[in-house]
PDB file of N, CA and C in Angstrom:
ATOM      1  N   MET A   1       9.989   9.346  21.801  1.00  0.00           N
ATOM      2  CA  MET A   1       9.134   9.301  20.548  1.00  0.00           C
ATOM      3  C   MET A   1       9.933   9.398  19.292  1.00  0.00           C
ATOM      4  N   SER A   2      11.092  10.145  19.499  1.00  0.00           N
ATOM      5  CA  SER A   2      12.026  10.235  18.218  1.00  0.00           C
ATOM      6  C   SER A   2      12.582   8.929  17.850  1.00  0.00           C
ATOM      7  N   TRP A   3      12.878   8.062  18.905  1.00  0.00           N
ATOM      8  CA  TRP A   3      13.584   6.930  18.606  1.00  0.00           C
ATOM      9  C   TRP A   3      12.510   5.916  17.983  1.00  0.00           C
ATOM     10  N   THR A   4      11.255   5.952  18.384  1.00  0.00           N
ATOM     11  CA  THR A   4      10.230   5.126  17.854  1.00  0.00           C
ATOM     12  C   THR A   4       9.965   5.469  16.339  1.00  0.00           C
ATOM     13  N   VAL A   5       9.862   6.766  16.093  1.00  0.00           N
ATOM     14  CA  VAL A   5       9.609   7.143  14.692  1.00  0.00           C
ATOM     15  C   VAL A   5      10.781   6.924  13.925  1.00  0.00           C
ATOM     16  N   LEU A   6      12.004   6.982  14.316  1.00  0.00           N
ATOM     17  CA  LEU A   6      13.164   6.640  13.594  1.00  0.00           C
ATOM     18  C   LEU A   6      13.286   5.132  13.227  1.00  0.00           C
ATOM     19  N   VAL A   7      12.970   4.304  14.228  1.00  0.00           N
ATOM     20  CA  VAL A   7      12.838   2.847  13.953  1.00  0.00           C
ATOM     21  C   VAL A   7      11.870   2.495  12.875  1.00  0.00           C
ATOM     22  N   LEU A   8      10.693   3.132  12.971  1.00  0.00           N
ATOM     23  CA  LEU A   8       9.585   2.810  11.968  1.00  0.00           C
ATOM     24  C   LEU A   8      10.035   3.445  10.634  1.00  0.00           C
ATOM     25  N   SER A   9      10.704   4.504  10.647  1.00  0.00           N
ATOM     26  CA  SER A   9      11.178   5.152   9.334  1.00  0.00           C
ATOM     27  C   SER A   9      12.236   4.160   8.730  1.00  0.00           C
ATOM     28  N   GLY A  10      13.120   3.548   9.533  1.00  0.00           N
ATOM     29  CA  GLY A  10      13.994   2.552   9.122  1.00  0.00           C
ATOM     30  C   GLY A  10      13.267   1.386   8.394  1.00  0.00           C
ATOM     31  N   VAL A  11      12.220   0.922   8.981  1.00  0.00           N
ATOM     32  CA  VAL A  11      11.431  -0.116   8.504  1.00  0.00           C
ATOM     33  C   VAL A  11      10.958   0.278   7.092  1.00  0.00           C
ATOM     34  N   LEU A  12      10.362   1.448   6.962  1.00  0.00           N
ATOM     35  CA  LEU A  12       9.882   1.975   5.835  1.00  0.00           C
ATOM     36  C   LEU A  12      10.984   2.081   4.725  1.00  0.00           C
ATOM     37  N   GLU A  13      12.214   2.427   5.186  1.00  0.00           N
ATOM     38  CA  GLU A  13      13.308   2.373   4.284  1.00  0.00           C
ATOM     39  C   GLU A  13      13.465   1.022   3.507  1.00  0.00           C
ATOM     40  N   ALA A  14      13.385  -0.070   4.301  1.00  0.00           N
ATOM     41  CA  ALA A  14      13.476  -1.376   3.745  1.00  0.00           C
ATOM     42  C   ALA A  14      12.331  -1.644   2.749  1.00  0.00           C
ATOM     43  N   VAL A  15      11.121  -1.139   3.134  1.00  0.00           N
ATOM     44  CA  VAL A  15      10.023  -1.245   2.211  1.00  0.00           C
ATOM     45  C   VAL A  15      10.147  -0.503   0.955  1.00  0.00           C
ATOM     46  N   TRP A  16      10.648   0.694   1.020  1.00  0.00           N
ATOM     47  CA  TRP A  16      10.865   1.415  -0.294  1.00  0.00           C
ATOM     48  C   TRP A  16      12.019   0.910  -1.084  1.00  0.00           C
ATOM     49  N   ALA A  17      13.027   0.481  -0.433  1.00  0.00           N
ATOM     50  CA  ALA A  17      14.124  -0.124  -1.206  1.00  0.00           C
ATOM     51  C   ALA A  17      13.760  -1.522  -1.884  1.00  0.00           C
ATOM     52  N   THR A  18      12.992  -2.355  -1.225  1.00  0.00           N
ATOM     53  CA  THR A  18      12.515  -3.523  -1.869  1.00  0.00           C
ATOM     54  C   THR A  18      11.584  -3.314  -2.978  1.00  0.00           C
ATOM     55  N   ALA A  19      10.690  -2.202  -2.758  1.00  0.00           N
ATOM     56  CA  ALA A  19       9.688  -1.820  -3.787  1.00  0.00           C
ATOM     57  C   ALA A  19      10.392  -1.287  -5.090  1.00  0.00           C
ATOM     58  N   LEU A  20      11.491  -0.563  -4.826  1.00  0.00           N
ATOM     59  CA  LEU A  20      12.242   0.001  -5.960  1.00  0.00           C
ATOM     60  C   LEU A  20      12.775  -1.130  -6.778  1.00  0.00           C
ATOM     61  N   GLY A  21      13.271  -2.181  -6.106  1.00  0.00           N
ATOM     62  CA  GLY A  21      13.787  -3.293  -6.799  1.00  0.00           C
ATOM     63  C   GLY A  21      12.757  -4.136  -7.632  1.00  0.00           C
ATOM     64  N   LYS A  22      11.570  -4.158  -7.024  1.00  0.00           N
ATOM     65  CA  LYS A  22      10.471  -4.815  -7.627  1.00  0.00           C
ATOM     66  C   LYS A  22       9.700  -4.051  -8.707  1.00  0.00           C
ATOM     67  N   SER A  23      10.006  -2.734  -8.702  1.00  0.00           N
ATOM     68  CA  SER A  23       9.326  -1.884  -9.704  1.00  0.00           C
ATOM     69  C   SER A  23       9.894  -2.077 -11.082  1.00  0.00           C
ATOM     70  N   GLU A  24      11.073  -2.654 -11.287  1.00  0.00           N
ATOM     71  CA  GLU A  24      11.601  -2.931 -12.617  1.00  0.00           C
ATOM     72  C   GLU A  24      11.856  -1.597 -13.342  1.00  0.00           C
ATOM     73  N   GLY A  25      12.551  -0.673 -12.737  1.00  0.00           N
ATOM     74  CA  GLY A  25      12.707   0.676 -13.344  1.00  0.00           C
ATOM     75  C   GLY A  25      11.442   1.519 -13.436  1.00  0.00           C
ATOM     76  N   PHE A  26      10.686   1.346 -12.468  1.00  0.00           N
ATOM     77  CA  PHE A  26       9.292   2.050 -12.420  1.00  0.00           C
ATOM     78  C   PHE A  26       8.440   1.646 -13.533  1.00  0.00           C
ATOM     79  N   SER A  27       8.599   0.461 -14.036  1.00  0.00           N
ATOM     80  CA  SER A  27       7.705   0.103 -15.057  1.00  0.00           C
ATOM     81  C   SER A  27       6.457  -0.667 -14.643  1.00  0.00           C
ATOM     82  N   ARG A  28       6.509  -1.083 -13.230  1.00  0.00           N
ATOM     83  CA  ARG A  28       5.333  -1.778 -12.640  1.00  0.00           C
ATOM     84  C   ARG A  28       4.707  -0.775 -11.695  1.00  0.00           C
ATOM     85  N   LEU A  29       3.430  -0.594 -11.944  1.00  0.00           N
ATOM     86  CA  LEU A  29       2.590   0.513 -11.160  1.00  0.00           C
ATOM     87  C   LEU A  29       2.607   0.270  -9.638  1.00  0.00           C
ATOM     88  N   GLY A  30       2.280  -1.022  -9.246  1.00  0.00           N
ATOM     89  CA  GLY A  30       2.038  -1.389  -7.801  1.00  0.00           C
ATOM     90  C   GLY A  30       3.250  -1.054  -7.063  1.00  0.00           C
ATOM     91  N   PRO A  31       4.438  -1.749  -7.287  1.00  0.00           N
ATOM     92  CA  PRO A  31       5.728  -1.456  -6.599  1.00  0.00           C
ATOM     93  C   PRO A  31       6.095   0.061  -6.669  1.00  0.00           C
ATOM     94  N   SER A  32       5.955   0.623  -7.821  1.00  0.00           N
ATOM     95  CA  SER A  32       6.330   2.082  -7.964  1.00  0.00           C
ATOM     96  C   SER A  32       5.564   2.941  -7.054  1.00  0.00           C
ATOM     97  N   ALA A  33       4.211   2.691  -6.808  1.00  0.00           N
ATOM     98  CA  ALA A  33       3.395   3.475  -5.943  1.00  0.00           C
ATOM     99  C   ALA A  33       3.859   3.100  -4.486  1.00  0.00           C
ATOM    100  N   ILE A  34       4.009   1.996  -4.114  1.00  0.00           N
ATOM    101  CA  ILE A  34       4.510   1.645  -2.772  1.00  0.00           C
ATOM    102  C   ILE A  34       5.814   2.315  -2.540  1.00  0.00           C
ATOM    103  N   PHE A  35       6.751   2.344  -3.581  1.00  0.00           N
ATOM    104  CA  PHE A  35       8.047   3.058  -3.385  1.00  0.00           C
ATOM    105  C   PHE A  35       7.837   4.541  -3.028  1.00  0.00           C
ATOM    106  N   VAL A  36       6.985   5.054  -3.757  1.00  0.00           N
ATOM    107  CA  VAL A  36       6.761   6.619  -3.497  1.00  0.00           C
ATOM    108  C   VAL A  36       6.226   6.896  -2.138  1.00  0.00           C
ATOM    109  N   CYS A  37       5.187   6.001  -1.750  1.00  0.00           N
ATOM    110  CA  CYS A  37       4.591   6.287  -0.442  1.00  0.00           C
ATOM    111  C   CYS A  37       5.577   5.981   0.673  1.00  0.00           C
ATOM    112  N   ALA A  38       6.217   4.784   0.557  1.00  0.00           N
ATOM    113  CA  ALA A  38       7.169   4.516   1.647  1.00  0.00           C
ATOM    114  C   ALA A  38       8.302   5.412   1.717  1.00  0.00           C
ATOM    115  N   LEU A  39       8.853   5.792   0.568  1.00  0.00           N
ATOM    116  CA  LEU A  39       9.956   6.782   0.627  1.00  0.00           C
ATOM    117  C   LEU A  39       9.538   8.084   1.190  1.00  0.00           C
ATOM    118  N   SER A  40       8.396   8.621   0.991  1.00  0.00           N
ATOM    119  CA  SER A  40       7.826   9.868   1.404  1.00  0.00           C
ATOM    120  C   SER A  40       7.655   9.883   3.080  1.00  0.00           C
ATOM    121  N   LEU A  41       7.011   8.648   3.414  1.00  0.00           N
ATOM    122  CA  LEU A  41       6.906   8.511   4.927  1.00  0.00           C
ATOM    123  C   LEU A  41       8.134   8.312   5.659  1.00  0.00           C
ATOM    124  N   SER A  42       9.033   7.543   4.989  1.00  0.00           N
ATOM    125  CA  SER A  42      10.344   7.253   5.641  1.00  0.00           C
ATOM    126  C   SER A  42      11.110   8.509   5.809  1.00  0.00           C
ATOM    127  N   MET A  43      11.167   9.292   4.790  1.00  0.00           N
ATOM    128  CA  MET A  43      11.981  10.655   4.831  1.00  0.00           C
ATOM    129  C   MET A  43      11.355  11.559   5.824  1.00  0.00           C
ATOM    130  N   ALA A  44      10.004  11.646   5.867  1.00  0.00           N
ATOM    131  CA  ALA A  44       9.303  12.527   6.865  1.00  0.00           C
ATOM    132  C   ALA A  44       9.713  12.015   8.289  1.00  0.00           C
ATOM    133  N   GLY A  45       9.583  10.803   8.573  1.00  0.00           N
ATOM    134  CA  GLY A  45       9.890  10.231   9.923  1.00  0.00           C
ATOM    135  C   GLY A  45      11.380  10.579  10.187  1.00  0.00           C
ATOM    136  N   LEU A  46      12.344  10.399   9.302  1.00  0.00           N
ATOM    137  CA  LEU A  46      13.624  10.704   9.591  1.00  0.00           C
ATOM    138  C   LEU A  46      13.888  12.127   9.897  1.00  0.00           C
ATOM    139  N   ALA A  47      13.282  13.054   9.050  1.00  0.00           N
ATOM    140  CA  ALA A  47      13.353  14.409   9.338  1.00  0.00           C
ATOM    141  C   ALA A  47      12.650  14.823  10.807  1.00  0.00           C
ATOM    142  N   TYR A  48      11.663  14.135  11.191  1.00  0.00           N
ATOM    143  CA  TYR A  48      11.084  14.308  12.502  1.00  0.00           C
ATOM    144  C   TYR A  48      12.036  13.903  13.612  1.00  0.00           C
ATOM    145  N   ALA A  49      12.636  12.673  13.436  1.00  0.00           N
ATOM    146  CA  ALA A  49      13.523  12.217  14.458  1.00  0.00           C
ATOM    147  C   ALA A  49      14.762  13.108  14.485  1.00  0.00           C
ATOM    148  N   MET A  50      15.193  13.763  13.476  1.00  0.00           N
ATOM    149  CA  MET A  50      16.412  14.555  13.493  1.00  0.00           C
ATOM    150  C   MET A  50      16.138  15.872  14.123  1.00  0.00           C
ATOM    151  N   ARG A  51      14.904  16.211  14.607  1.00  0.00           N
ATOM    152  CA  ARG A  51      14.737  17.479  15.354  1.00  0.00           C
ATOM    153  C   ARG A  51      15.293  17.219  16.725  1.00  0.00           C
ATOM    154  N   GLU A  52      15.281  16.051  17.228  1.00  0.00           N
ATOM    155  CA  GLU A  52      15.834  15.730  18.628  1.00  0.00           C
ATOM    156  C   GLU A  52      17.041  14.915  18.607  1.00  0.00           C
ATOM    157  N   LEU A  53      17.347  14.170  17.522  1.00  0.00           N
ATOM    158  CA  LEU A  53      18.574  13.320  17.563  1.00  0.00           C
ATOM    159  C   LEU A  53      19.602  13.891  16.663  1.00  0.00           C
ATOM    160  N   PRO A  54      20.855  13.664  16.973  1.00  0.00           N
ATOM    161  CA  PRO A  54      21.924  14.136  16.085  1.00  0.00           C
ATOM    162  C   PRO A  54      21.846  13.467  14.735  1.00  0.00           C
ATOM    163  N   VAL A  55      22.159  14.415  13.802  1.00  0.00           N
ATOM    164  CA  VAL A  55      21.965  13.919  12.372  1.00  0.00           C
ATOM    165  C   VAL A  55      22.791  12.632  12.029  1.00  0.00           C
ATOM    166  N   GLY A  56      24.010  12.545  12.560  1.00  0.00           N
ATOM    167  CA  GLY A  56      24.790  11.459  12.114  1.00  0.00           C
ATOM    168  C   GLY A  56      24.194  10.143  12.808  1.00  0.00           C
ATOM    169  N   THR A  57      23.859  10.216  13.969  1.00  0.00           N
ATOM    170  CA  THR A  57      23.218   9.099  14.737  1.00  0.00           C
ATOM    171  C   THR A  57      21.980   8.601  14.020  1.00  0.00           C
ATOM    172  N   ALA A  58      20.953   9.600  13.847  1.00  0.00           N
ATOM    173  CA  ALA A  58      19.796   9.253  13.274  1.00  0.00           C
ATOM    174  C   ALA A  58      20.050   8.655  11.897  1.00  0.00           C
ATOM    175  N   TYR A  59      20.985   9.277  11.064  1.00  0.00           N
ATOM    176  CA  TYR A  59      21.014   8.674   9.766  1.00  0.00           C
ATOM    177  C   TYR A  59      21.637   7.313   9.786  1.00  0.00           C
ATOM    178  N   ALA A  60      22.687   7.119  10.591  1.00  0.00           N
ATOM    179  CA  ALA A  60      23.221   5.897  10.664  1.00  0.00           C
ATOM    180  C   ALA A  60      22.236   4.747  11.112  1.00  0.00           C
ATOM    181  N   VAL A  61      21.414   5.048  12.179  1.00  0.00           N
ATOM    182  CA  VAL A  61      20.442   4.102  12.597  1.00  0.00           C
ATOM    183  C   VAL A  61      19.439   3.822  11.492  1.00  0.00           C
ATOM    184  N   TRP A  62      18.908   4.858  10.824  1.00  0.00           N
ATOM    185  CA  TRP A  62      18.022   4.747   9.717  1.00  0.00           C
ATOM    186  C   TRP A  62      18.431   3.826   8.676  1.00  0.00           C
ATOM    187  N   VAL A  63      19.686   4.114   8.169  1.00  0.00           N
ATOM    188  CA  VAL A  63      20.305   3.245   7.112  1.00  0.00           C
ATOM    189  C   VAL A  63      20.585   1.917   7.504  1.00  0.00           C
ATOM    190  N   GLY A  64      21.031   1.694   8.847  1.00  0.00           N
ATOM    191  CA  GLY A  64      21.339   0.390   9.350  1.00  0.00           C
ATOM    192  C   GLY A  64      20.050  -0.414   9.398  1.00  0.00           C
ATOM    193  N   ILE A  65      19.036   0.158   9.926  1.00  0.00           N
ATOM    194  CA  ILE A  65      17.721  -0.758  10.060  1.00  0.00           C
ATOM    195  C   ILE A  65      17.331  -1.039   8.667  1.00  0.00           C
ATOM    196  N   GLY A  66      17.278  -0.129   7.660  1.00  0.00           N
ATOM    197  CA  GLY A  66      16.796  -0.362   6.380  1.00  0.00           C
ATOM    198  C   GLY A  66      17.617  -1.554   5.667  1.00  0.00           C
ATOM    199  N   ALA A  67      18.969  -1.251   5.846  1.00  0.00           N
ATOM    200  CA  ALA A  67      19.894  -2.200   5.082  1.00  0.00           C
ATOM    201  C   ALA A  67      19.628  -3.659   5.756  1.00  0.00           C
ATOM    202  N   VAL A  68      19.647  -3.851   7.049  1.00  0.00           N
ATOM    203  CA  VAL A  68      19.447  -5.169   7.652  1.00  0.00           C
ATOM    204  C   VAL A  68      18.187  -5.705   7.133  1.00  0.00           C
ATOM    205  N   LEU A  69      17.073  -5.043   7.216  1.00  0.00           N
ATOM    206  CA  LEU A  69      15.858  -5.538   6.888  1.00  0.00           C
ATOM    207  C   LEU A  69      15.613  -5.852   5.443  1.00  0.00           C
ATOM    208  N   THR A  70      16.304  -4.967   4.655  1.00  0.00           N
ATOM    209  CA  THR A  70      16.252  -5.278   3.185  1.00  0.00           C
ATOM    210  C   THR A  70      16.941  -6.595   2.852  1.00  0.00           C
ATOM    211  N   VAL A  71      18.089  -6.802   3.411  1.00  0.00           N
ATOM    212  CA  VAL A  71      18.895  -8.121   3.130  1.00  0.00           C
ATOM    213  C   VAL A  71      18.172  -9.209   3.680  1.00  0.00           C
ATOM    214  N   ALA A  72      17.558  -9.061   4.949  1.00  0.00           N
ATOM    215  CA  ALA A  72      16.873 -10.205   5.603  1.00  0.00           C
ATOM    216  C   ALA A  72      15.707 -10.571   4.794  1.00  0.00           C
ATOM    217  N   TYR A  73      14.950  -9.615   4.295  1.00  0.00           N
ATOM    218  CA  TYR A  73      13.753 -10.059   3.433  1.00  0.00           C
ATOM    219  C   TYR A  73      14.151 -10.661   2.254  1.00  0.00           C
ATOM    220  N   ALA A  74      15.223 -10.243   1.567  1.00  0.00           N
ATOM    221  CA  ALA A  74      15.718 -10.780   0.270  1.00  0.00           C
ATOM    222  C   ALA A  74      16.129 -12.341   0.589  1.00  0.00           C
ATOM    223  N   MET A  75      16.747 -12.441   1.668  1.00  0.00           N
ATOM    224  CA  MET A  75      17.180 -13.856   2.075  1.00  0.00           C
ATOM    225  C   MET A  75      15.952 -14.756   2.376  1.00  0.00           C
ATOM    226  N   ALA A  76      15.030 -14.197   3.007  1.00  0.00           N
ATOM    227  CA  ALA A  76      13.908 -14.943   3.412  1.00  0.00           C
ATOM    228  C   ALA A  76      13.002 -15.377   2.251  1.00  0.00           C
ATOM    229  N   VAL A  77      12.932 -14.497   1.188  1.00  0.00           N
ATOM    230  CA  VAL A  77      12.205 -14.940  -0.027  1.00  0.00           C
ATOM    231  C   VAL A  77      13.079 -15.545  -1.178  1.00  0.00           C
ATOM    232  N   GLY A  78      14.232 -15.820  -0.902  1.00  0.00           N
ATOM    233  CA  GLY A  78      15.068 -16.499  -1.710  1.00  0.00           C
ATOM    234  C   GLY A  78      15.812 -15.707  -2.877  1.00  0.00           C
ATOM    235  N   ASP A  79      15.710 -14.329  -2.744  1.00  0.00           N
ATOM    236  CA  ASP A  79      16.190 -13.473  -3.733  1.00  0.00           C
ATOM    237  C   ASP A  79      17.809 -13.348  -3.546  1.00  0.00           C
ATOM    238  N   GLU A  80      18.309 -13.644  -2.307  1.00  0.00           N
ATOM    239  CA  GLU A  80      19.683 -13.490  -1.967  1.00  0.00           C
ATOM    240  C   GLU A  80      20.072 -14.670  -1.192  1.00  0.00           C
ATOM    241  N   PRO A  81      21.226 -15.170  -1.552  1.00  0.00           N
ATOM    242  CA  PRO A  81      21.707 -16.474  -0.879  1.00  0.00           C
ATOM    243  C   PRO A  81      21.959 -16.138   0.641  1.00  0.00           C
ATOM    244  N   ILE A  82      21.721 -17.186   1.474  1.00  0.00           N
ATOM    245  CA  ILE A  82      21.917 -17.116   2.951  1.00  0.00           C
ATOM    246  C   ILE A  82      23.273 -17.762   3.193  1.00  0.00           C
ATOM    247  N   SER A  83      24.171 -16.986   4.043  1.00  0.00           N
ATOM    248  CA  SER A  83      25.369 -17.489   4.426  1.00  0.00           C
ATOM    249  C   SER A  83      25.635 -17.241   5.900  1.00  0.00           C
ATOM    250  N   ALA A  84      26.343 -17.999   6.577  1.00  0.00           N
ATOM    251  CA  ALA A  84      26.725 -17.733   7.895  1.00  0.00           C
ATOM    252  C   ALA A  84      27.381 -16.320   8.089  1.00  0.00           C
ATOM    253  N   ILE A  85      28.393 -16.062   7.184  1.00  0.00           N
ATOM    254  CA  ILE A  85      29.173 -14.912   7.269  1.00  0.00           C
ATOM    255  C   ILE A  85      28.311 -13.619   7.136  1.00  0.00           C
ATOM    256  N   LYS A  86      27.335 -13.546   6.146  1.00  0.00           N
ATOM    257  CA  LYS A  86      26.446 -12.634   5.895  1.00  0.00           C
ATOM    258  C   LYS A  86      25.581 -12.451   7.052  1.00  0.00           C
ATOM    259  N   PHE A  87      25.098 -13.408   7.678  1.00  0.00           N
ATOM    260  CA  PHE A  87      24.313 -13.402   8.845  1.00  0.00           C
ATOM    261  C   PHE A  87      25.032 -12.632  10.025  1.00  0.00           C
ATOM    262  N   LEU A  88      26.351 -13.086  10.231  1.00  0.00           N
ATOM    263  CA  LEU A  88      27.177 -12.581  11.268  1.00  0.00           C
ATOM    264  C   LEU A  88      27.371 -10.935  10.963  1.00  0.00           C
ATOM    265  N   PHE A  89      27.562 -10.530   9.721  1.00  0.00           N
ATOM    266  CA  PHE A  89      27.677  -9.241   9.530  1.00  0.00           C
ATOM    267  C   PHE A  89      26.454  -8.401   9.781  1.00  0.00           C
ATOM    268  N   LEU A  90      25.221  -9.103   9.486  1.00  0.00           N
ATOM    269  CA  LEU A  90      24.095  -8.292   9.661  1.00  0.00           C
ATOM    270  C   LEU A  90      23.946  -8.182  11.322  1.00  0.00           C
ATOM    271  N   ILE A  91      24.295  -9.168  12.105  1.00  0.00           N
ATOM    272  CA  ILE A  91      24.249  -8.985  13.540  1.00  0.00           C
ATOM    273  C   ILE A  91      25.152  -7.966  13.919  1.00  0.00           C
ATOM    274  N   GLY A  92      26.207  -7.833  13.325  1.00  0.00           N
ATOM    275  CA  GLY A  92      27.213  -6.714  13.561  1.00  0.00           C
ATOM    276  C   GLY A  92      26.551  -5.327  13.338  1.00  0.00           C
ATOM    277  N   ILE A  93      25.821  -5.116  12.375  1.00  0.00           N
ATOM    278  CA  ILE A  93      25.104  -3.998  12.029  1.00  0.00           C
ATOM    279  C   ILE A  93      24.043  -3.579  13.237  1.00  0.00           C
ATOM    280  N   VAL A  94      23.216  -4.713  13.484  1.00  0.00           N
ATOM    281  CA  VAL A  94      22.316  -4.637  14.640  1.00  0.00           C
ATOM    282  C   VAL A  94      23.023  -4.146  15.858  1.00  0.00           C
ATOM    283  N   GLY A  95      24.057  -4.825  16.184  1.00  0.00           N
ATOM    284  CA  GLY A  95      24.772  -4.342  17.354  1.00  0.00           C
ATOM    285  C   GLY A  95      25.243  -2.977  17.353  1.00  0.00           C
ATOM    286  N   SER A  96      25.656  -2.420  16.200  1.00  0.00           N
ATOM    287  CA  SER A  96      26.125  -1.125  16.111  1.00  0.00           C
ATOM    288  C   SER A  96      24.949  -0.188  16.267  1.00  0.00           C
ATOM    289  N   ILE A  97      23.897  -0.541  15.764  1.00  0.00           N
ATOM    290  CA  ILE A  97      22.627   0.292  16.040  1.00  0.00           C
ATOM    291  C   ILE A  97      22.206   0.331  17.474  1.00  0.00           C
ATOM    292  N   VAL A  98      22.290  -0.720  18.117  1.00  0.00           N
ATOM    293  CA  VAL A  98      21.999  -0.815  19.606  1.00  0.00           C
ATOM    294  C   VAL A  98      22.982   0.122  20.289  1.00  0.00           C
ATOM    295  N   GLY A  99      24.241  -0.129  19.873  1.00  0.00           N
ATOM    296  CA  GLY A  99      25.263   0.758  20.519  1.00  0.00           C
ATOM    297  C   GLY A  99      25.125   2.207  20.413  1.00  0.00           C
ATOM    298  N   LEU A 100      24.596   2.714  19.290  1.00  0.00           N
ATOM    299  CA  LEU A 100      24.390   4.091  19.052  1.00  0.00           C
ATOM    300  C   LEU A 100      23.196   4.571  19.900  1.00  0.00           C
ATOM    301  N   LYS A 101      22.254   3.735  20.087  1.00  0.00           N
ATOM    302  CA  LYS A 101      21.046   4.050  20.933  1.00  0.00           C
ATOM    303  C   LYS A 101      21.537   4.203  22.390  1.00  0.00           C
ATOM    304  N   LEU A 102      22.400   3.186  22.790  1.00  0.00           N
ATOM    305  CA  LEU A 102      22.886   3.187  24.225  1.00  0.00           C
ATOM    306  C   LEU A 102      23.746   4.408  24.528  1.00  0.00           C
ATOM    307  N   THR A 103      24.556   4.856  23.606  1.00  0.00           N
ATOM    308  CA  THR A 103      25.409   5.892  23.844  1.00  0.00           C
ATOM    309  C   THR A 103      24.897   7.326  23.603  1.00  0.00           C
ATOM    310  N   ASN A 104      23.621   7.367  23.163  1.00  0.00           N
ATOM    311  CA  ASN A 104      23.041   8.680  22.849  1.00  0.00           C
ATOM    312  C   ASN A 104      22.468   9.405  23.958  1.00  0.00           C
TER     313      ASN A 104
END
């Protein structure tokens, strides 16, 4: 259960990071509200997962999922250029996340 909550919290990290960028310094209400909600739920999920998972592992997985999804979304919508090397490094992060799960 902790791993499932952690993965969902990582997804929400990507949501709040993207919303933060779209909020334009909290000057846009919709993205700002999404940021606050997603951040709150993401942190609550991370805290829940850390009850059973080591702090270092949980945090690394949470950040890794959030980072990969944030960059992937930005590339998908054209906000960030796509390159083979960037894709390769993102795959490396995913591999590291899987490795942390397998060694836990």
